[in-house]
Amino acid sequence: MRSMLLGAAGALALAAMAFSQAACSQDKETVQAADASIGIETSQMFVTIENRAGTPLLDLTTTIQTPSAPYTYLITRIEAGQKRDVPVNSFSSRDGTALNLRLVTPRTVRATAKDLTSKTYEAQVSWK
């Protein structure tokens, strides 16, 4: 009986440790996103992109990664401090198919851009 209790206590401690590590890794992603040069917020209707770089960004490519295919949207220029709401159905796959949230579930959103001196910026967040 005692060995069963020790085994159950060990399994419970292991599960608690795994849960706390998972919670910490999510906090780390949130912290990295908070100080990123490109801010990304997701909702069911829009993906909001914010330029936090302090300089205009060029060729900002935003990609929504799904299990089936990536869907992209290009913003040619976004000024410093500017926010842009991009409708989810404006994202399209390589063949031109618009993203439909009724058919696919997004996993992540990634944004890449360059500034006027060709310095590259990247940001990635999980879909909420």
Protein backbone atom coordinates (compact mmCIF):
# COMPACT_ATOMS: atom_id res chain seq x y z
CA MET A 1 0.00 0.00 0.00
CA ARG A 2 2.82 2.38 0.92
CA SER A 3 4.64 1.77 -2.39
CA MET A 4 1.43 2.62 -4.28
CA LEU A 5 1.15 5.91 -2.38
CA LEU A 6 4.77 6.78 -3.07
CA GLY A 7 4.31 5.96 -6.74
CA ALA A 8 1.17 8.11 -6.94
CA ALA A 9 2.91 10.98 -5.12
CA GLY A 10 5.86 10.76 -7.51
CA ALA A 11 3.59 10.80 -10.55
CA LEU A 12 1.70 13.79 -9.13
CA ALA A 13 4.95 15.68 -8.51
CA LEU A 14 6.15 14.91 -12.03
CA ALA A 15 2.87 16.15 -13.52
CA ALA A 16 3.03 19.35 -11.45
CA MET A 17 6.60 19.99 -12.63
CA ALA A 18 5.63 19.46 -16.27
CA PHE A 19 2.67 21.82 -15.89
CA SER A 20 4.79 24.55 -14.29
CA GLN A 21 7.40 24.29 -17.07
CA ALA A 22 4.70 24.58 -19.71
CA ALA A 23 3.30 27.67 -17.99
CA CYS A 24 6.77 29.23 -17.84
CA SER A 25 7.40 28.63 -21.53
CA GLN A 26 4.13 30.38 -22.39
CA ASP A 27 5.15 33.34 -20.20
CA LYS A 28 8.47 33.53 -22.05
CA GLU A 29 6.68 33.76 -25.40
CA THR A 30 4.51 36.57 -24.06
CA VAL A 31 7.54 38.51 -22.81
CA GLN A 32 9.35 38.12 -26.12
CA ALA A 33 6.28 39.31 -28.00
CA ALA A 34 5.92 42.35 -25.72
CA ASP A 35 9.36 43.73 -26.60
CA ALA A 36 9.30 42.71 -30.28
CA SER A 37 9.72 45.31 -33.02
CA ILE A 38 6.59 44.04 -34.74
CA GLY A 39 3.46 43.64 -32.62
CA ILE A 40 0.93 41.00 -33.64
CA GLU A 41 -2.56 40.55 -32.18
CA THR A 42 -5.09 38.02 -33.44
CA SER A 43 -8.87 37.87 -33.30
CA GLN A 44 -11.57 36.01 -35.22
CA MET A 45 -12.00 38.93 -37.65
CA PHE A 46 -8.59 40.64 -37.86
CA VAL A 47 -4.86 40.28 -37.47
CA THR A 48 -3.53 43.57 -36.10
CA ILE A 49 0.04 44.46 -37.02
CA GLU A 50 1.88 47.24 -35.16
CA ASN A 51 5.24 48.74 -36.11
CA ARG A 52 7.23 49.17 -32.87
CA ALA A 53 10.61 49.42 -34.62
CA GLY A 54 10.82 53.22 -34.51
CA THR A 55 11.45 53.39 -38.26
CA PRO A 56 9.27 52.66 -41.30
CA LEU A 57 9.15 48.98 -42.27
CA LEU A 58 9.08 47.81 -45.87
CA ASP A 59 7.74 44.62 -47.44
CA LEU A 60 6.11 43.38 -44.25
CA THR A 61 4.98 39.83 -44.99
CA THR A 62 2.50 38.38 -42.52
CA THR A 63 1.95 34.61 -42.66
CA ILE A 64 -0.75 32.61 -40.90
CA GLN A 65 0.49 29.03 -40.57
CA THR A 66 -2.22 26.35 -40.68
CA PRO A 67 -1.91 22.54 -40.73
CA SER A 68 -2.64 22.52 -44.46
CA ALA A 69 -0.89 25.56 -45.98
CA PRO A 70 0.50 28.99 -45.13
CA TYR A 71 -1.66 32.02 -45.90
CA THR A 72 0.12 35.33 -46.51
CA TYR A 73 -0.57 39.05 -46.76
CA LEU A 74 1.91 41.73 -47.86
CA ILE A 75 2.03 45.30 -46.56
CA THR A 76 4.46 47.29 -48.71
CA ARG A 77 5.13 50.02 -46.10
CA ILE A 78 4.03 50.65 -42.54
CA GLU A 79 5.15 53.78 -40.73
CA ALA A 80 6.72 53.87 -37.25
CA GLY A 81 4.06 53.50 -34.55
CA GLN A 82 1.32 52.67 -37.06
CA LYS A 83 -1.21 49.86 -36.50
CA ARG A 84 -2.95 48.09 -39.34
CA ASP A 85 -5.98 45.79 -39.03
CA VAL A 86 -5.87 43.13 -41.74
CA PRO A 87 -9.09 41.13 -42.24
CA VAL A 88 -8.49 37.40 -41.87
CA ASN A 89 -10.12 36.68 -45.24
CA SER A 90 -7.49 38.95 -46.93
CA PHE A 91 -4.83 36.30 -46.33
CA SER A 92 -4.41 33.91 -49.24
CA SER A 93 -2.52 30.73 -50.04
CA ARG A 94 -0.21 30.25 -53.02
CA ASP A 95 -3.09 29.32 -55.29
CA GLY A 96 -5.10 32.42 -54.30
CA THR A 97 -7.53 30.70 -51.95
CA ALA A 98 -8.70 33.05 -49.18
CA LEU A 99 -8.32 31.92 -45.56
CA ASN A 100 -11.61 30.64 -44.14
CA LEU A 101 -11.58 30.03 -40.39
CA ARG A 102 -14.55 27.67 -40.75
CA LEU A 103 -12.39 25.24 -42.70
CA VAL A 104 -8.93 25.51 -41.08
CA THR A 105 -7.55 26.29 -37.65
CA PRO A 106 -4.50 28.59 -37.59
CA ARG A 107 -1.51 27.69 -35.42
CA THR A 108 0.82 30.70 -35.55
CA VAL A 109 1.17 34.14 -37.10
CA ARG A 110 4.60 35.26 -38.26
CA ALA A 111 5.66 38.66 -39.58
CA THR A 112 8.92 39.56 -41.33
CA ALA A 113 10.00 42.96 -42.64
CA LYS A 114 12.99 45.16 -43.47
CA ASP A 115 13.65 48.78 -42.59
CA LEU A 116 15.18 51.47 -44.82
CA THR A 117 18.72 50.21 -44.02
CA SER A 118 17.80 46.59 -44.91
CA LYS A 119 17.84 45.43 -41.27
CA THR A 120 15.42 42.52 -40.91
CA TYR A 121 12.74 42.22 -38.23
CA GLU A 122 10.75 39.12 -37.27
CA ALA A 123 7.97 38.32 -34.83
CA GLN A 124 5.83 35.25 -34.20
CA VAL A 125 2.85 34.59 -31.93
CA SER A 126 0.52 31.67 -31.36
CA TRP A 127 -3.05 31.97 -32.64
CA LYS A 128 -5.44 32.68 -29.80
